Amino acid sequence: MTASSRPLFSVKGIVFSALFGALLSVMSYIQIRLGFSPVPITLQNMAVMIAGALLGAYYGFFSMFLVVFLVALGLPLLHGQGGLGLLLGTTGGFIWMYPISAMLIGWLVSKVKGNGWASYAAVFVIIEVCGSLLLYVSGVPWFAYKFNVSFGKALSLSCFPYLPGDAAKALAVTLIIMPIRRIFPRVR
């Protein structure tokens, strides 16, 4: 089968995309509320990191887009809530970036070769930048707009307190996916 005659989606790819979409939904239920911010600590971005790193750019994007699209239609897939109200709420800016984040993680992680310490470090940096810091690019300005605070105040309410936890999630994902890549070099 030539590259031009290959189907756009495979059954295996769709199934894995749905499973990782379900993982995002399940991980969204784990929440720790901080008293000073309406943004909870969740494991949602960890699911985005794993989906991108294991599914690759194409299916990583598809799995996260599927969840965001279904939430927009009203399905209660993110911490039991759904609808445009959730996507346009104070944390909506973070959620919009999930598909892009998974796509960039998948694309960049696929470029990393080997399993040595340099590969671990490269994968960690990719996952931290694309799976955590990139979400703040759209999340913090939207939070500032919706919460009606200055950008600096938005950073202190929705970014800075979460950075250590995001780094820990990126490290955990790196430690999970690198051995999987060694066993299944072409998971995608």
Protein backbone atom coordinates (compact mmCIF):
# COMPACT_ATOMS: atom_id res chain seq x y z
CA MET A 1 0.00 0.00 0.00
CA THR A 2 1.49 3.32 -1.01
CA ALA A 3 1.49 6.37 1.22
CA SER A 4 -1.11 8.03 -0.99
CA SER A 5 -3.52 5.08 -0.80
CA ARG A 6 -3.28 4.64 2.97
CA PRO A 7 -6.50 5.50 4.81
CA LEU A 8 -6.56 8.73 6.77
CA PHE A 9 -7.55 6.91 9.98
CA SER A 10 -6.90 3.32 11.00
CA VAL A 11 -9.17 1.36 13.33
CA LYS A 12 -6.24 0.90 15.72
CA GLY A 13 -5.53 4.65 15.69
CA ILE A 14 -9.16 5.55 16.35
CA VAL A 15 -9.39 3.05 19.21
CA PHE A 16 -6.21 4.36 20.84
CA SER A 17 -7.38 7.95 20.33
CA ALA A 18 -10.65 7.15 22.07
CA LEU A 19 -8.81 5.43 24.92
CA PHE A 20 -6.55 8.42 25.48
CA GLY A 21 -9.55 10.73 25.25
CA ALA A 22 -11.15 8.61 27.98
CA LEU A 23 -7.92 8.88 29.99
CA LEU A 24 -8.19 12.68 29.79
CA SER A 25 -11.78 12.49 30.99
CA VAL A 26 -10.90 10.22 33.93
CA MET A 27 -7.86 12.28 34.92
CA SER A 28 -9.99 15.43 34.94
CA TYR A 29 -11.88 14.12 37.96
CA ILE A 30 -8.73 14.30 40.09
CA GLN A 31 -8.82 17.87 41.35
CA ILE A 32 -7.23 19.79 44.18
CA ARG A 33 -8.79 23.19 44.75
CA LEU A 34 -6.56 25.98 45.96
CA GLY A 35 -8.27 28.60 48.07
CA PHE A 36 -6.78 31.58 46.25
CA SER A 37 -7.53 30.58 42.63
CA PRO A 38 -10.47 29.19 40.67
CA VAL A 39 -7.99 27.06 38.68
CA PRO A 40 -7.74 23.61 40.29
CA ILE A 41 -4.73 21.34 40.19
CA THR A 42 -5.69 18.47 37.88
CA LEU A 43 -4.02 15.67 35.96
CA GLN A 44 -5.61 16.73 32.67
CA ASN A 45 -2.40 18.10 31.20
CA MET A 46 -0.65 14.87 32.17
CA ALA A 47 -3.11 12.97 29.97
CA VAL A 48 -2.35 15.40 27.14
CA MET A 49 1.38 14.80 27.61
CA ILE A 50 0.99 11.01 27.54
CA ALA A 51 -1.33 11.07 24.52
CA GLY A 52 1.04 13.19 22.49
CA ALA A 53 4.14 11.24 23.45
CA LEU A 54 2.66 7.79 22.83
CA LEU A 55 0.17 8.36 20.02
CA GLY A 56 2.27 10.75 17.99
CA ALA A 57 1.34 14.08 16.47
CA TYR A 58 -1.60 12.98 14.32
CA TYR A 59 -3.49 10.73 16.71
CA GLY A 60 -2.43 12.74 19.76
CA PHE A 61 -4.08 15.78 18.21
CA PHE A 62 -7.14 13.75 17.20
CA SER A 63 -7.63 12.24 20.67
CA MET A 64 -7.53 15.61 22.45
CA PHE A 65 -9.54 17.39 19.74
CA LEU A 66 -12.20 14.71 20.05
CA VAL A 67 -12.64 15.45 23.76
CA VAL A 68 -12.68 19.23 23.28
CA PHE A 69 -15.19 18.90 20.43
CA LEU A 70 -17.48 16.59 22.42
CA VAL A 71 -17.29 18.91 25.42
CA ALA A 72 -18.28 21.81 23.15
CA LEU A 73 -21.30 19.77 22.08
CA GLY A 74 -22.30 19.44 25.73
CA LEU A 75 -21.03 16.01 26.78
CA PRO A 76 -19.87 16.13 30.42
CA LEU A 77 -16.38 14.76 29.77
CA LEU A 78 -14.22 17.14 31.81
CA HIS A 79 -14.77 16.77 35.56
CA GLY A 80 -18.41 15.98 34.91
CA GLN A 81 -19.07 19.18 32.98
CA GLY A 82 -19.50 20.02 29.34
CA GLY A 83 -20.77 22.68 27.01
CA LEU A 84 -19.51 25.93 25.65
CA GLY A 85 -19.78 27.44 29.13
CA LEU A 86 -16.87 25.27 30.24
CA LEU A 87 -14.79 26.06 27.16
CA LEU A 88 -15.49 29.77 27.50
CA GLY A 89 -15.06 29.81 31.29
CA THR A 90 -11.99 30.92 33.22
CA THR A 91 -10.03 27.73 32.44
CA GLY A 92 -11.17 27.44 28.82
CA GLY A 93 -7.96 28.91 27.45
CA PHE A 94 -6.01 25.98 28.85
CA ILE A 95 -8.43 23.41 27.40
CA TRP A 96 -8.35 24.90 23.88
CA MET A 97 -4.63 24.26 23.68
CA TYR A 98 -4.83 20.51 24.48
CA PRO A 99 -4.94 19.30 20.84
CA ILE A 100 -2.09 21.61 19.76
CA SER A 101 -0.04 20.59 22.78
CA ALA A 102 -0.49 16.87 22.09
CA MET A 103 0.36 17.38 18.43
CA LEU A 104 3.58 19.27 19.17
CA ILE A 105 4.64 16.78 21.83
CA GLY A 106 4.04 13.88 19.43
CA TRP A 107 5.90 15.53 16.59
CA LEU A 108 8.91 16.62 18.65
CA VAL A 109 9.22 13.46 20.75
CA SER A 110 9.26 11.38 17.55
CA LYS A 111 12.41 13.28 16.56
CA VAL A 112 14.29 12.18 19.70
CA LYS A 113 16.38 9.08 19.07
CA GLY A 114 18.00 6.78 21.61
CA ASN A 115 17.34 5.95 25.24
CA GLY A 116 20.29 7.53 27.04
CA TRP A 117 20.20 10.32 29.59
CA ALA A 118 20.34 12.94 26.82
CA SER A 119 17.18 11.45 25.28
CA TYR A 120 15.44 11.48 28.66
CA ALA A 121 16.42 15.13 29.12
CA ALA A 122 15.26 16.09 25.62
CA VAL A 123 11.90 14.32 26.05
CA PHE A 124 11.42 15.95 29.47
CA VAL A 125 12.08 19.42 28.03
CA ILE A 126 9.71 18.80 25.11
CA ILE A 127 6.96 17.55 27.40
CA GLU A 128 7.46 20.38 29.91
CA VAL A 129 7.48 23.11 27.28
CA CYS A 130 4.69 21.77 25.04
CA GLY A 131 2.60 19.99 27.65
CA SER A 132 2.74 22.56 30.38
CA LEU A 133 4.17 25.94 29.44
CA LEU A 134 2.38 26.06 26.07
CA LEU A 135 -0.97 25.73 27.83
CA TYR A 136 -0.24 28.95 29.70
CA VAL A 137 0.16 30.84 26.40
CA SER A 138 -3.58 30.74 25.82
CA GLY A 139 -4.71 29.95 29.36
CA VAL A 140 -3.30 32.91 31.27
CA PRO A 141 -4.49 35.70 28.93
CA TRP A 142 -7.96 34.12 28.73
CA PHE A 143 -8.02 33.76 32.53
CA ALA A 144 -7.06 37.45 32.89
CA TYR A 145 -9.83 38.44 30.51
CA LYS A 146 -12.53 36.25 32.09
CA PHE A 147 -11.54 36.94 35.70
CA ASN A 148 -11.04 40.65 34.91
CA VAL A 149 -7.57 40.94 36.43
CA SER A 150 -4.24 42.23 35.15
CA PHE A 151 -1.91 39.90 33.30
CA GLY A 152 0.51 39.91 36.26
CA LYS A 153 -2.28 38.99 38.67
CA ALA A 154 -3.40 36.25 36.26
CA LEU A 155 0.13 34.84 36.26
CA SER A 156 0.14 34.72 40.06
CA LEU A 157 -3.31 33.10 40.19
CA SER A 158 -3.17 30.67 37.28
CA CYS A 159 0.47 30.01 36.40
CA PHE A 160 3.24 30.42 38.97
CA PRO A 161 1.78 28.20 41.74
CA TYR A 162 1.30 25.36 39.24
CA LEU A 163 4.76 25.26 37.66
CA PRO A 164 6.42 22.88 40.18
CA GLY A 165 3.55 20.39 39.87
CA ASP A 166 3.65 20.62 36.09
CA ALA A 167 7.37 19.88 36.12
CA ALA A 168 6.70 16.84 38.33
CA LYS A 169 4.01 15.64 35.89
CA ALA A 170 6.38 16.10 32.94
CA LEU A 171 9.06 14.12 34.77
CA ALA A 172 6.60 11.33 35.60
CA VAL A 173 5.43 11.15 31.98
CA THR A 174 9.02 11.05 30.77
CA LEU A 175 9.78 8.19 33.14
CA ILE A 176 6.67 6.36 31.92
CA ILE A 177 7.09 6.76 28.17
CA MET A 178 10.84 6.28 27.76
CA PRO A 179 10.79 2.59 28.79
CA ILE A 180 7.70 2.08 26.61
CA ARG A 181 9.59 3.59 23.66
CA ARG A 182 12.42 1.13 24.32
CA ILE A 183 10.06 -1.87 24.26
CA PHE A 184 7.79 -0.59 21.48
CA PRO A 185 9.93 1.72 19.37
CA ARG A 186 7.11 2.42 16.91
CA VAL A 187 4.06 2.73 19.16
CA ARG A 188 2.39 5.08 16.66
